[in-house]
Amino acid sequence: MGPIADRTRRAISREQAKPGQARRLSEDEPGWRGDNFYIIFTMPDTYLTRAGHEKLTLELKALMKQKTQLSLDIGEAREKGDLKENAEYHSAKEKMGEVMGRIGKIQDKLQSAKIIDEMDIPKDTVAIGTTVSIEDSDGETVEYSLVGEDESDPAEGRISVQSPLGSGLLGRKSKETVEVQLPAGPRSFKILKVVRTA
């Protein structure tokens, strides 16, 4: 198990444990409460196109350089004396916290990322990595590409599979009519066409 899973593990009872999702805790592990307790690991998947993966990788490299510079700035500010009245020091420390938080998030995403371009997308089935044309009950048609949360941009025609519309269309096939629960209420859509995006 990787560090992401290690950080999100929790103890559950034998009755809650599902095959393949949990294992028995050993006596020397944190959280052990007897042989009847199991550990479950949760590792949320991040779905990215190859371009999206490369974009995050480049952002991570830039943030690592920024982190190095901020460390130098903090060191220089510390040398100026009284830290309580040192605005440069506190500003650099605050920025460092923001940068480190973003670095951690990107590293977690990249570690658990699945590349959409490399996935086996079923033919004519709405899935992440496909573009779907749908028609609503008013006869209006629209086209969306289903992507991971990090690359979602509805204005550009890319919706997340975690969105109400995206999740409602998942697993459906071309020519099907499906009712989707949207924030404004249920709506029916006919799936006109499904093609692989990448």
N, C-alpha and C. Protein backbone atom coordinates (compact mmCIF):
# COMPACT_ATOMS: atom_id res chain seq x y z
N MET A 1 0.83 -1.20 0.00
CA MET A 1 0.00 0.00 0.00
C MET A 1 0.87 1.26 0.00
N GLY A 2 0.49 2.25 -0.78
CA GLY A 2 1.24 3.49 -0.85
C GLY A 2 0.87 4.43 0.26
N PRO A 3 1.55 5.58 0.32
CA PRO A 3 1.32 6.52 1.39
C PRO A 3 -0.08 7.11 1.41
N ILE A 4 -0.74 7.21 0.26
CA ILE A 4 -2.09 7.74 0.26
C ILE A 4 -3.02 6.80 1.01
N ALA A 5 -2.90 5.51 0.70
CA ALA A 5 -3.75 4.54 1.37
C ALA A 5 -3.44 4.50 2.86
N ASP A 6 -2.16 4.59 3.22
CA ASP A 6 -1.78 4.56 4.62
C ASP A 6 -2.44 5.69 5.39
N ARG A 7 -2.59 6.85 4.76
CA ARG A 7 -3.14 7.99 5.47
C ARG A 7 -4.66 7.90 5.60
N THR A 8 -5.29 7.05 4.78
CA THR A 8 -6.75 7.02 4.79
C THR A 8 -7.29 5.70 5.34
N ARG A 9 -6.46 4.93 6.00
CA ARG A 9 -6.95 3.66 6.47
C ARG A 9 -7.77 3.84 7.74
N ARG A 10 -8.72 2.94 7.96
CA ARG A 10 -9.52 2.99 9.17
C ARG A 10 -9.94 1.58 9.54
N ALA A 11 -10.18 1.36 10.82
CA ALA A 11 -10.56 0.04 11.29
C ALA A 11 -12.05 -0.18 11.14
N ILE A 12 -12.44 -1.38 10.72
CA ILE A 12 -13.85 -1.73 10.60
C ILE A 12 -14.04 -3.12 11.18
N SER A 13 -15.29 -3.49 11.43
CA SER A 13 -15.57 -4.81 11.96
C SER A 13 -15.59 -5.84 10.84
N ARG A 14 -15.56 -7.12 11.23
CA ARG A 14 -15.57 -8.19 10.23
C ARG A 14 -16.82 -8.12 9.37
N GLU A 15 -17.96 -7.73 9.97
CA GLU A 15 -19.21 -7.67 9.23
C GLU A 15 -19.18 -6.60 8.15
N GLN A 16 -18.38 -5.53 8.37
CA GLN A 16 -18.31 -4.44 7.41
C GLN A 16 -17.31 -4.71 6.30
N ALA A 17 -16.41 -5.64 6.54
CA ALA A 17 -15.33 -5.90 5.59
C ALA A 17 -15.85 -6.59 4.34
N LYS A 18 -15.42 -6.11 3.18
CA LYS A 18 -15.80 -6.71 1.92
C LYS A 18 -14.58 -7.35 1.28
N PRO A 19 -14.73 -8.49 0.61
CA PRO A 19 -13.60 -9.15 -0.03
C PRO A 19 -12.87 -8.22 -0.97
N GLY A 20 -11.55 -8.19 -0.86
CA GLY A 20 -10.73 -7.38 -1.73
C GLY A 20 -10.59 -5.93 -1.30
N GLN A 21 -11.36 -5.52 -0.30
CA GLN A 21 -11.30 -4.13 0.14
C GLN A 21 -10.69 -3.99 1.53
N ALA A 22 -10.47 -5.11 2.21
CA ALA A 22 -9.98 -5.02 3.58
C ALA A 22 -9.13 -6.24 3.91
N ARG A 23 -8.34 -6.13 4.98
CA ARG A 23 -7.56 -7.25 5.47
C ARG A 23 -7.54 -7.19 6.99
N ARG A 24 -7.24 -8.31 7.61
CA ARG A 24 -7.23 -8.38 9.06
C ARG A 24 -6.04 -7.59 9.63
N LEU A 25 -6.29 -6.86 10.68
CA LEU A 25 -5.22 -6.13 11.37
C LEU A 25 -4.36 -7.09 12.16
N SER A 26 -3.05 -6.88 12.17
CA SER A 26 -2.19 -7.67 13.03
C SER A 26 -2.04 -6.97 14.37
N GLU A 27 -1.63 -7.72 15.38
CA GLU A 27 -1.63 -7.22 16.75
C GLU A 27 -0.72 -6.02 16.96
N ASP A 28 0.37 -5.94 16.17
CA ASP A 28 1.33 -4.85 16.37
C ASP A 28 1.00 -3.61 15.54
N GLU A 29 -0.15 -3.59 14.83
CA GLU A 29 -0.51 -2.44 14.02
C GLU A 29 -1.39 -1.46 14.80
N PRO A 30 -1.24 -0.15 14.49
CA PRO A 30 -2.11 0.85 15.13
C PRO A 30 -3.58 0.56 14.80
N GLY A 31 -4.45 0.69 15.79
CA GLY A 31 -5.86 0.47 15.56
C GLY A 31 -6.32 -0.94 15.86
N TRP A 32 -5.38 -1.85 16.23
CA TRP A 32 -5.76 -3.23 16.51
C TRP A 32 -6.63 -3.29 17.75
N ARG A 33 -7.79 -3.94 17.63
CA ARG A 33 -8.70 -4.07 18.77
C ARG A 33 -9.20 -5.50 18.88
N GLY A 34 -8.36 -6.43 18.51
CA GLY A 34 -8.76 -7.84 18.57
C GLY A 34 -8.83 -8.44 17.19
N ASP A 35 -8.92 -9.78 17.14
CA ASP A 35 -8.89 -10.49 15.87
C ASP A 35 -10.11 -10.23 15.00
N ASN A 36 -11.16 -9.62 15.60
CA ASN A 36 -12.39 -9.40 14.85
C ASN A 36 -12.36 -8.11 14.06
N PHE A 37 -11.23 -7.38 14.08
CA PHE A 37 -11.19 -6.10 13.39
C PHE A 37 -10.28 -6.15 12.17
N TYR A 38 -10.75 -5.48 11.15
CA TYR A 38 -10.05 -5.43 9.88
C TYR A 38 -9.64 -3.99 9.58
N ILE A 39 -8.75 -3.83 8.62
CA ILE A 39 -8.37 -2.48 8.17
C ILE A 39 -8.86 -2.32 6.74
N ILE A 40 -9.47 -1.20 6.46
CA ILE A 40 -9.92 -0.91 5.09
C ILE A 40 -9.10 0.26 4.56
N PHE A 41 -8.69 0.17 3.33
CA PHE A 41 -7.91 1.23 2.70
C PHE A 41 -8.75 1.88 1.62
N THR A 42 -8.79 3.19 1.61
CA THR A 42 -9.49 3.90 0.55
C THR A 42 -8.49 4.74 -0.22
N MET A 43 -8.47 4.58 -1.52
CA MET A 43 -7.58 5.35 -2.38
C MET A 43 -8.38 5.87 -3.56
N PRO A 44 -8.93 7.07 -3.45
CA PRO A 44 -9.75 7.60 -4.54
C PRO A 44 -8.94 7.73 -5.83
N ASP A 45 -9.54 7.28 -6.94
CA ASP A 45 -8.85 7.37 -8.22
C ASP A 45 -8.92 8.79 -8.77
N THR A 46 -7.84 9.19 -9.43
CA THR A 46 -7.81 10.45 -10.15
C THR A 46 -7.69 10.10 -11.63
N TYR A 47 -8.62 10.57 -12.44
CA TYR A 47 -8.59 10.28 -13.87
C TYR A 47 -8.09 11.50 -14.62
N LEU A 48 -7.06 11.31 -15.43
CA LEU A 48 -6.46 12.40 -16.17
C LEU A 48 -6.18 11.96 -17.61
N THR A 49 -6.28 12.92 -18.53
CA THR A 49 -5.76 12.65 -19.87
C THR A 49 -4.24 12.75 -19.78
N ARG A 50 -3.55 12.28 -20.80
CA ARG A 50 -2.09 12.39 -20.76
C ARG A 50 -1.65 13.85 -20.70
N ALA A 51 -2.38 14.72 -21.42
CA ALA A 51 -2.04 16.14 -21.40
C ALA A 51 -2.26 16.72 -20.01
N GLY A 52 -3.35 16.29 -19.34
CA GLY A 52 -3.61 16.76 -17.99
C GLY A 52 -2.56 16.30 -17.01
N HIS A 53 -2.09 15.08 -17.19
CA HIS A 53 -1.03 14.53 -16.33
C HIS A 53 0.26 15.34 -16.50
N GLU A 54 0.59 15.65 -17.75
CA GLU A 54 1.80 16.42 -18.02
C GLU A 54 1.69 17.84 -17.45
N LYS A 55 0.48 18.41 -17.52
CA LYS A 55 0.26 19.76 -16.98
C LYS A 55 0.50 19.78 -15.47
N LEU A 56 -0.03 18.78 -14.77
CA LEU A 56 0.19 18.70 -13.32
C LEU A 56 1.65 18.46 -12.98
N THR A 57 2.32 17.66 -13.80
CA THR A 57 3.74 17.37 -13.57
C THR A 57 4.57 18.65 -13.70
N LEU A 58 4.26 19.46 -14.71
CA LEU A 58 4.98 20.72 -14.91
C LEU A 58 4.69 21.70 -13.76
N GLU A 59 3.42 21.72 -13.32
CA GLU A 59 3.08 22.59 -12.19
C GLU A 59 3.83 22.17 -10.93
N LEU A 60 3.96 20.87 -10.73
CA LEU A 60 4.68 20.36 -9.56
C LEU A 60 6.15 20.79 -9.60
N LYS A 61 6.77 20.70 -10.79
CA LYS A 61 8.17 21.11 -10.91
C LYS A 61 8.33 22.59 -10.60
N ALA A 62 7.40 23.40 -11.08
CA ALA A 62 7.46 24.85 -10.82
C ALA A 62 7.28 25.14 -9.33
N LEU A 63 6.39 24.42 -8.70
CA LEU A 63 6.15 24.62 -7.26
C LEU A 63 7.36 24.19 -6.43
N MET A 64 8.04 23.15 -6.87
CA MET A 64 9.24 22.71 -6.14
C MET A 64 10.34 23.77 -6.21
N LYS A 65 10.45 24.43 -7.38
CA LYS A 65 11.42 25.53 -7.51
C LYS A 65 11.01 26.70 -6.62
N GLN A 66 9.70 26.98 -6.59
CA GLN A 66 9.19 28.06 -5.75
C GLN A 66 9.43 27.76 -4.27
N LYS A 67 9.28 26.51 -3.90
CA LYS A 67 9.53 26.09 -2.52
C LYS A 67 10.98 26.36 -2.13
N THR A 68 11.91 26.05 -3.04
CA THR A 68 13.34 26.28 -2.78
C THR A 68 13.63 27.77 -2.58
N GLN A 69 13.03 28.60 -3.44
CA GLN A 69 13.24 30.05 -3.33
C GLN A 69 12.63 30.59 -2.04
N LEU A 70 11.47 30.10 -1.67
CA LEU A 70 10.83 30.56 -0.44
C LEU A 70 11.65 30.18 0.78
N SER A 71 12.27 29.01 0.73
CA SER A 71 13.14 28.60 1.84
C SER A 71 14.29 29.58 2.01
N LEU A 72 14.85 30.03 0.88
CA LEU A 72 15.93 31.01 0.92
C LEU A 72 15.42 32.34 1.46
N ASP A 73 14.22 32.75 1.01
CA ASP A 73 13.64 34.01 1.47
C ASP A 73 13.37 33.98 2.97
N ILE A 74 12.89 32.85 3.46
CA ILE A 74 12.61 32.72 4.89
C ILE A 74 13.91 32.80 5.69
N GLY A 75 14.96 32.16 5.17
CA GLY A 75 16.25 32.20 5.85
C GLY A 75 16.82 33.60 5.92
N GLU A 76 16.71 34.33 4.80
CA GLU A 76 17.21 35.71 4.78
C GLU A 76 16.41 36.61 5.71
N ALA A 77 15.09 36.43 5.72
CA ALA A 77 14.24 37.25 6.58
C ALA A 77 14.50 36.96 8.05
N ARG A 78 14.79 35.70 8.36
CA ARG A 78 15.07 35.31 9.75
C ARG A 78 16.34 35.99 10.26
N GLU A 79 17.30 36.18 9.35
CA GLU A 79 18.57 36.79 9.74
C GLU A 79 18.45 38.28 10.08
N LYS A 80 17.31 38.87 9.71
CA LYS A 80 17.13 40.30 9.96
C LYS A 80 16.71 40.63 11.39
N GLY A 81 16.50 39.57 12.19
CA GLY A 81 16.23 39.83 13.60
C GLY A 81 14.82 39.51 14.03
N ASP A 82 14.20 40.40 14.80
CA ASP A 82 12.91 40.22 15.45
C ASP A 82 11.85 39.72 14.45
N LEU A 83 11.43 38.46 14.63
CA LEU A 83 10.48 37.85 13.69
C LEU A 83 9.05 38.36 13.88
N LYS A 84 8.74 38.83 15.09
CA LYS A 84 7.39 39.31 15.37
C LYS A 84 7.03 40.51 14.49
N GLU A 85 8.00 41.35 14.20
CA GLU A 85 7.75 42.57 13.41
C GLU A 85 8.25 42.43 11.98
N ASN A 86 8.62 41.22 11.60
CA ASN A 86 9.21 41.00 10.28
C ASN A 86 8.14 40.56 9.29
N ALA A 87 7.62 41.52 8.52
CA ALA A 87 6.54 41.24 7.57
C ALA A 87 7.00 40.30 6.45
N GLU A 88 8.25 40.45 6.01
CA GLU A 88 8.78 39.60 4.94
C GLU A 88 8.79 38.15 5.37
N TYR A 89 9.18 37.91 6.62
CA TYR A 89 9.27 36.55 7.15
C TYR A 89 7.88 35.90 7.18
N HIS A 90 6.91 36.63 7.75
CA HIS A 90 5.56 36.07 7.88
C HIS A 90 4.89 35.88 6.52
N SER A 91 5.16 36.78 5.58
CA SER A 91 4.61 36.64 4.24
C SER A 91 5.17 35.40 3.55
N ALA A 92 6.49 35.20 3.68
CA ALA A 92 7.13 34.05 3.06
C ALA A 92 6.66 32.74 3.70
N LYS A 93 6.46 32.75 5.02
CA LYS A 93 5.99 31.56 5.72
C LYS A 93 4.57 31.20 5.28
N GLU A 94 3.73 32.21 5.13
CA GLU A 94 2.36 31.98 4.71
C GLU A 94 2.32 31.42 3.29
N LYS A 95 3.14 32.00 2.42
CA LYS A 95 3.20 31.53 1.04
C LYS A 95 3.74 30.10 0.99
N MET A 96 4.71 29.80 1.83
CA MET A 96 5.28 28.46 1.88
C MET A 96 4.21 27.44 2.24
N GLY A 97 3.34 27.80 3.19
CA GLY A 97 2.26 26.90 3.57
C GLY A 97 1.33 26.60 2.41
N GLU A 98 1.01 27.63 1.62
CA GLU A 98 0.14 27.46 0.46
C GLU A 98 0.80 26.56 -0.59
N VAL A 99 2.09 26.82 -0.82
CA VAL A 99 2.83 26.04 -1.82
C VAL A 99 2.93 24.58 -1.40
N MET A 100 3.24 24.34 -0.13
CA MET A 100 3.38 22.96 0.35
C MET A 100 2.05 22.22 0.27
N GLY A 101 0.95 22.94 0.55
CA GLY A 101 -0.37 22.31 0.45
C GLY A 101 -0.69 21.89 -0.97
N ARG A 102 -0.37 22.76 -1.92
CA ARG A 102 -0.62 22.44 -3.33
C ARG A 102 0.29 21.31 -3.80
N ILE A 103 1.54 21.32 -3.36
CA ILE A 103 2.48 20.24 -3.73
C ILE A 103 1.93 18.89 -3.25
N GLY A 104 1.45 18.86 -2.02
CA GLY A 104 0.91 17.61 -1.48
C GLY A 104 -0.28 17.10 -2.27
N LYS A 105 -1.17 18.02 -2.65
CA LYS A 105 -2.35 17.63 -3.41
C LYS A 105 -1.97 17.07 -4.78
N ILE A 106 -1.03 17.75 -5.45
CA ILE A 106 -0.61 17.29 -6.78
C ILE A 106 0.08 15.94 -6.70
N GLN A 107 0.95 15.77 -5.70
CA GLN A 107 1.65 14.50 -5.55
C GLN A 107 0.67 13.36 -5.32
N ASP A 108 -0.35 13.60 -4.50
CA ASP A 108 -1.37 12.58 -4.26
C ASP A 108 -2.13 12.24 -5.54
N LYS A 109 -2.49 13.27 -6.31
CA LYS A 109 -3.23 13.04 -7.55
C LYS A 109 -2.39 12.24 -8.54
N LEU A 110 -1.13 12.62 -8.71
CA LEU A 110 -0.26 11.93 -9.66
C LEU A 110 0.00 10.49 -9.25
N GLN A 111 0.09 10.26 -7.94
CA GLN A 111 0.38 8.91 -7.46
C GLN A 111 -0.78 7.95 -7.70
N SER A 112 -2.02 8.46 -7.64
CA SER A 112 -3.18 7.59 -7.82
C SER A 112 -3.82 7.75 -9.19
N ALA A 113 -3.18 8.52 -10.07
CA ALA A 113 -3.80 8.85 -11.36
C ALA A 113 -3.90 7.65 -12.30
N LYS A 114 -5.02 7.60 -13.01
CA LYS A 114 -5.20 6.65 -14.10
C LYS A 114 -5.30 7.47 -15.38
N ILE A 115 -4.50 7.10 -16.38
CA ILE A 115 -4.46 7.84 -17.63
C ILE A 115 -5.61 7.38 -18.53
N ILE A 116 -6.53 8.31 -18.82
CA ILE A 116 -7.71 7.98 -19.61
C ILE A 116 -7.33 7.41 -20.97
N ASP A 117 -6.29 7.99 -21.59
CA ASP A 117 -5.88 7.57 -22.93
C ASP A 117 -5.50 6.09 -22.98
N GLU A 118 -5.09 5.53 -21.82
CA GLU A 118 -4.61 4.15 -21.78
C GLU A 118 -5.69 3.17 -21.33
N MET A 119 -6.88 3.68 -21.01
CA MET A 119 -7.94 2.82 -20.51
C MET A 119 -8.69 2.13 -21.63
N ASP A 120 -9.23 0.96 -21.33
CA ASP A 120 -10.02 0.19 -22.30
C ASP A 120 -11.46 0.68 -22.21
N ILE A 121 -11.84 1.60 -23.10
CA ILE A 121 -13.17 2.20 -23.07
C ILE A 121 -14.15 1.34 -23.87
N PRO A 122 -15.23 0.87 -23.25
CA PRO A 122 -16.20 0.03 -23.97
C PRO A 122 -16.85 0.80 -25.13
N LYS A 123 -17.08 0.12 -26.23
CA LYS A 123 -17.67 0.75 -27.40
C LYS A 123 -19.14 1.08 -27.15
N ASP A 124 -19.55 2.28 -27.55
CA ASP A 124 -20.95 2.74 -27.46
C ASP A 124 -21.46 2.85 -26.02
N THR A 125 -20.56 2.85 -25.03
CA THR A 125 -20.97 2.97 -23.64
C THR A 125 -20.39 4.25 -23.05
N VAL A 126 -21.22 5.03 -22.36
CA VAL A 126 -20.75 6.28 -21.75
C VAL A 126 -19.80 5.95 -20.61
N ALA A 127 -18.58 6.44 -20.71
CA ALA A 127 -17.57 6.20 -19.69
C ALA A 127 -16.60 7.37 -19.71
N ILE A 128 -15.77 7.44 -18.70
CA ILE A 128 -14.75 8.47 -18.70
C ILE A 128 -13.85 8.27 -19.92
N GLY A 129 -13.54 9.36 -20.60
CA GLY A 129 -12.74 9.26 -21.82
C GLY A 129 -13.58 9.17 -23.08
N THR A 130 -14.91 9.35 -22.94
CA THR A 130 -15.78 9.33 -24.12
C THR A 130 -16.44 10.70 -24.29
N THR A 131 -16.89 10.95 -25.51
CA THR A 131 -17.68 12.15 -25.80
C THR A 131 -19.08 11.69 -26.16
N VAL A 132 -20.07 12.29 -25.51
CA VAL A 132 -21.45 11.85 -25.69
C VAL A 132 -22.32 13.00 -26.20
N SER A 133 -23.14 12.70 -27.19
CA SER A 133 -24.12 13.66 -27.69
C SER A 133 -25.47 13.28 -27.12
N ILE A 134 -26.15 14.24 -26.47
CA ILE A 134 -27.44 13.95 -25.85
C ILE A 134 -28.49 14.96 -26.30
N GLU A 135 -29.74 14.52 -26.25
CA GLU A 135 -30.87 15.37 -26.61
C GLU A 135 -31.83 15.42 -25.44
N ASP A 136 -32.21 16.63 -25.00
CA ASP A 136 -33.12 16.73 -23.87
C ASP A 136 -34.58 16.65 -24.34
N SER A 137 -35.51 16.73 -23.40
CA SER A 137 -36.93 16.57 -23.72
C SER A 137 -37.47 17.70 -24.58
N ASP A 138 -36.73 18.81 -24.68
CA ASP A 138 -37.14 19.94 -25.52
C ASP A 138 -36.59 19.84 -26.93
N GLY A 139 -35.82 18.78 -27.18
CA GLY A 139 -35.25 18.59 -28.51
C GLY A 139 -33.91 19.27 -28.72
N GLU A 140 -33.37 19.90 -27.67
CA GLU A 140 -32.07 20.55 -27.78
C GLU A 140 -30.96 19.52 -27.60
N THR A 141 -29.93 19.64 -28.44
CA THR A 141 -28.82 18.69 -28.36
C THR A 141 -27.56 19.39 -27.86
N VAL A 142 -26.75 18.64 -27.15
CA VAL A 142 -25.49 19.16 -26.62
C VAL A 142 -24.49 18.01 -26.57
N GLU A 143 -23.23 18.36 -26.64
CA GLU A 143 -22.16 17.35 -26.64
C GLU A 143 -21.20 17.61 -25.48
N TYR A 144 -20.89 16.56 -24.73
CA TYR A 144 -19.96 16.68 -23.61
C TYR A 144 -18.90 15.59 -23.67
N SER A 145 -17.70 15.94 -23.24
CA SER A 145 -16.65 14.95 -23.02
C SER A 145 -16.59 14.66 -21.53
N LEU A 146 -16.57 13.39 -21.15
CA LEU A 146 -16.52 13.02 -19.75
C LEU A 146 -15.07 12.86 -19.31
N VAL A 147 -14.70 13.63 -18.31
CA VAL A 147 -13.32 13.66 -17.84
C VAL A 147 -13.29 13.52 -16.32
N GLY A 148 -12.06 13.50 -15.78
CA GLY A 148 -11.90 13.49 -14.33
C GLY A 148 -12.16 14.87 -13.77
N GLU A 149 -12.32 14.93 -12.46
CA GLU A 149 -12.68 16.19 -11.80
C GLU A 149 -11.67 17.30 -12.08
N ASP A 150 -10.38 16.96 -12.19
CA ASP A 150 -9.34 17.97 -12.35
C ASP A 150 -9.37 18.66 -13.71
N GLU A 151 -9.96 18.02 -14.71
CA GLU A 151 -9.97 18.60 -16.05
C GLU A 151 -11.36 19.07 -16.47
N SER A 152 -12.28 19.07 -15.52
CA SER A 152 -13.65 19.49 -15.83
C SER A 152 -13.72 20.98 -16.16
N ASP A 153 -14.45 21.31 -17.22
CA ASP A 153 -14.68 22.69 -17.62
C ASP A 153 -15.95 22.71 -18.48
N PRO A 154 -17.13 22.78 -17.82
CA PRO A 154 -18.40 22.72 -18.55
C PRO A 154 -18.50 23.74 -19.68
N ALA A 155 -17.91 24.94 -19.50
CA ALA A 155 -17.98 25.97 -20.54
C ALA A 155 -17.27 25.52 -21.81
N GLU A 156 -16.30 24.61 -21.65
CA GLU A 156 -15.55 24.09 -22.79
C GLU A 156 -16.06 22.71 -23.23
N GLY A 157 -17.18 22.29 -22.63
CA GLY A 157 -17.76 21.01 -23.03
C GLY A 157 -17.17 19.80 -22.34
N ARG A 158 -16.46 19.99 -21.22
CA ARG A 158 -15.88 18.88 -20.48
C ARG A 158 -16.54 18.81 -19.10
N ILE A 159 -17.20 17.70 -18.80
CA ILE A 159 -17.85 17.56 -17.50
C ILE A 159 -17.24 16.39 -16.73
N SER A 160 -17.22 16.53 -15.43
CA SER A 160 -16.66 15.50 -14.56
C SER A 160 -17.60 14.31 -14.44
N VAL A 161 -17.03 13.13 -14.33
CA VAL A 161 -17.85 11.93 -14.12
C VAL A 161 -18.47 11.96 -12.72
N GLN A 162 -17.97 12.86 -11.84
CA GLN A 162 -18.56 12.99 -10.51
C GLN A 162 -19.72 13.99 -10.49
N SER A 163 -19.92 14.72 -11.58
CA SER A 163 -21.00 15.69 -11.65
C SER A 163 -22.34 14.96 -11.74
N PRO A 164 -23.45 15.62 -11.38
CA PRO A 164 -24.76 14.97 -11.48
C PRO A 164 -25.07 14.42 -12.87
N LEU A 165 -24.80 15.24 -13.91
CA LEU A 165 -25.07 14.79 -15.27
C LEU A 165 -24.11 13.67 -15.68
N GLY A 166 -22.83 13.86 -15.40
CA GLY A 166 -21.83 12.86 -15.76
C GLY A 166 -22.10 11.51 -15.12
N SER A 167 -22.36 11.51 -13.81
CA SER A 167 -22.60 10.25 -13.11
C SER A 167 -23.91 9.61 -13.56
N GLY A 168 -24.89 10.44 -13.95
CA GLY A 168 -26.16 9.91 -14.40
C GLY A 168 -26.08 9.24 -15.77
N LEU A 169 -25.10 9.66 -16.57
CA LEU A 169 -24.93 9.08 -17.91
C LEU A 169 -24.00 7.88 -17.93
N LEU A 170 -23.15 7.74 -16.91
CA LEU A 170 -22.16 6.67 -16.89
C LEU A 170 -22.80 5.28 -17.05
N GLY A 171 -22.20 4.48 -17.91
CA GLY A 171 -22.65 3.11 -18.10
C GLY A 171 -23.80 2.96 -19.07
N ARG A 172 -24.37 4.07 -19.51
CA ARG A 172 -25.48 4.02 -20.46
C ARG A 172 -24.96 3.87 -21.88
N LYS A 173 -25.81 3.39 -22.76
CA LYS A 173 -25.39 3.13 -24.13
C LYS A 173 -26.08 4.06 -25.13
N SER A 174 -25.49 4.12 -26.30
CA SER A 174 -26.06 4.91 -27.39
C SER A 174 -27.49 4.47 -27.68
N LYS A 175 -28.37 5.43 -27.91
CA LYS A 175 -29.79 5.26 -28.23
C LYS A 175 -30.67 5.08 -26.99
N GLU A 176 -30.05 4.98 -25.81
CA GLU A 176 -30.85 4.86 -24.58
C GLU A 176 -31.40 6.21 -24.17
N THR A 177 -32.54 6.18 -23.47
CA THR A 177 -33.10 7.37 -22.85
C THR A 177 -32.96 7.20 -21.34
N VAL A 178 -32.40 8.19 -20.69
CA VAL A 178 -32.10 8.07 -19.27
C VAL A 178 -32.62 9.28 -18.51
N GLU A 179 -33.12 9.07 -17.32
CA GLU A 179 -33.54 10.16 -16.45
C GLU A 179 -32.41 10.46 -15.48
N VAL A 180 -31.97 11.70 -15.45
CA VAL A 180 -30.84 12.10 -14.61
C VAL A 180 -31.32 13.06 -13.52
N GLN A 181 -30.89 12.82 -12.30
CA GLN A 181 -31.24 13.70 -11.19
C GLN A 181 -30.27 14.89 -11.17
N LEU A 182 -30.75 16.05 -11.59
CA LEU A 182 -29.95 17.27 -11.59
C LEU A 182 -30.35 18.14 -10.40
N PRO A 183 -29.51 19.11 -10.01
CA PRO A 183 -29.86 20.00 -8.88
C PRO A 183 -31.23 20.67 -9.04
N ALA A 184 -31.61 20.97 -10.30
CA ALA A 184 -32.89 21.64 -10.55
C ALA A 184 -34.05 20.65 -10.63
N GLY A 185 -33.75 19.35 -10.54
CA GLY A 185 -34.78 18.33 -10.62
C GLY A 185 -34.46 17.31 -11.70
N PRO A 186 -35.23 16.22 -11.80
CA PRO A 186 -34.96 15.17 -12.78
C PRO A 186 -35.22 15.64 -14.21
N ARG A 187 -34.36 15.19 -15.12
CA ARG A 187 -34.54 15.51 -16.55
C ARG A 187 -34.21 14.28 -17.37
N SER A 188 -34.89 14.15 -18.49
CA SER A 188 -34.67 13.00 -19.38
C SER A 188 -33.78 13.41 -20.55
N PHE A 189 -32.89 12.51 -20.91
CA PHE A 189 -31.99 12.74 -22.04
C PHE A 189 -31.92 11.48 -22.90
N LYS A 190 -31.89 11.68 -24.20
CA LYS A 190 -31.66 10.57 -25.11
C LYS A 190 -30.21 10.63 -25.56
N ILE A 191 -29.52 9.51 -25.46
CA ILE A 191 -28.12 9.45 -25.87
C ILE A 191 -28.07 9.18 -27.36
N LEU A 192 -27.59 10.16 -28.11
CA LEU A 192 -27.57 10.05 -29.57
C LEU A 192 -26.33 9.32 -30.08
N LYS A 193 -25.18 9.64 -29.48
CA LYS A 193 -23.93 9.06 -29.98
C LYS A 193 -22.89 9.05 -28.87
N VAL A 194 -22.08 8.01 -28.84
CA VAL A 194 -20.97 7.92 -27.88
C VAL A 194 -19.71 7.54 -28.64
N VAL A 195 -18.68 8.37 -28.52
CA VAL A 195 -17.40 8.06 -29.18
C VAL A 195 -16.27 8.25 -28.18
N ARG A 196 -15.20 7.54 -28.42
CA ARG A 196 -14.02 7.71 -27.56
C ARG A 196 -13.38 9.06 -27.84
N THR A 197 -13.08 9.80 -26.77
CA THR A 197 -12.52 11.14 -26.93
C THR A 197 -11.11 11.10 -27.45
N ALA A 198 -10.28 10.28 -26.79
CA ALA A 198 -8.85 10.26 -27.13
C ALA A 198 -8.57 9.31 -28.27
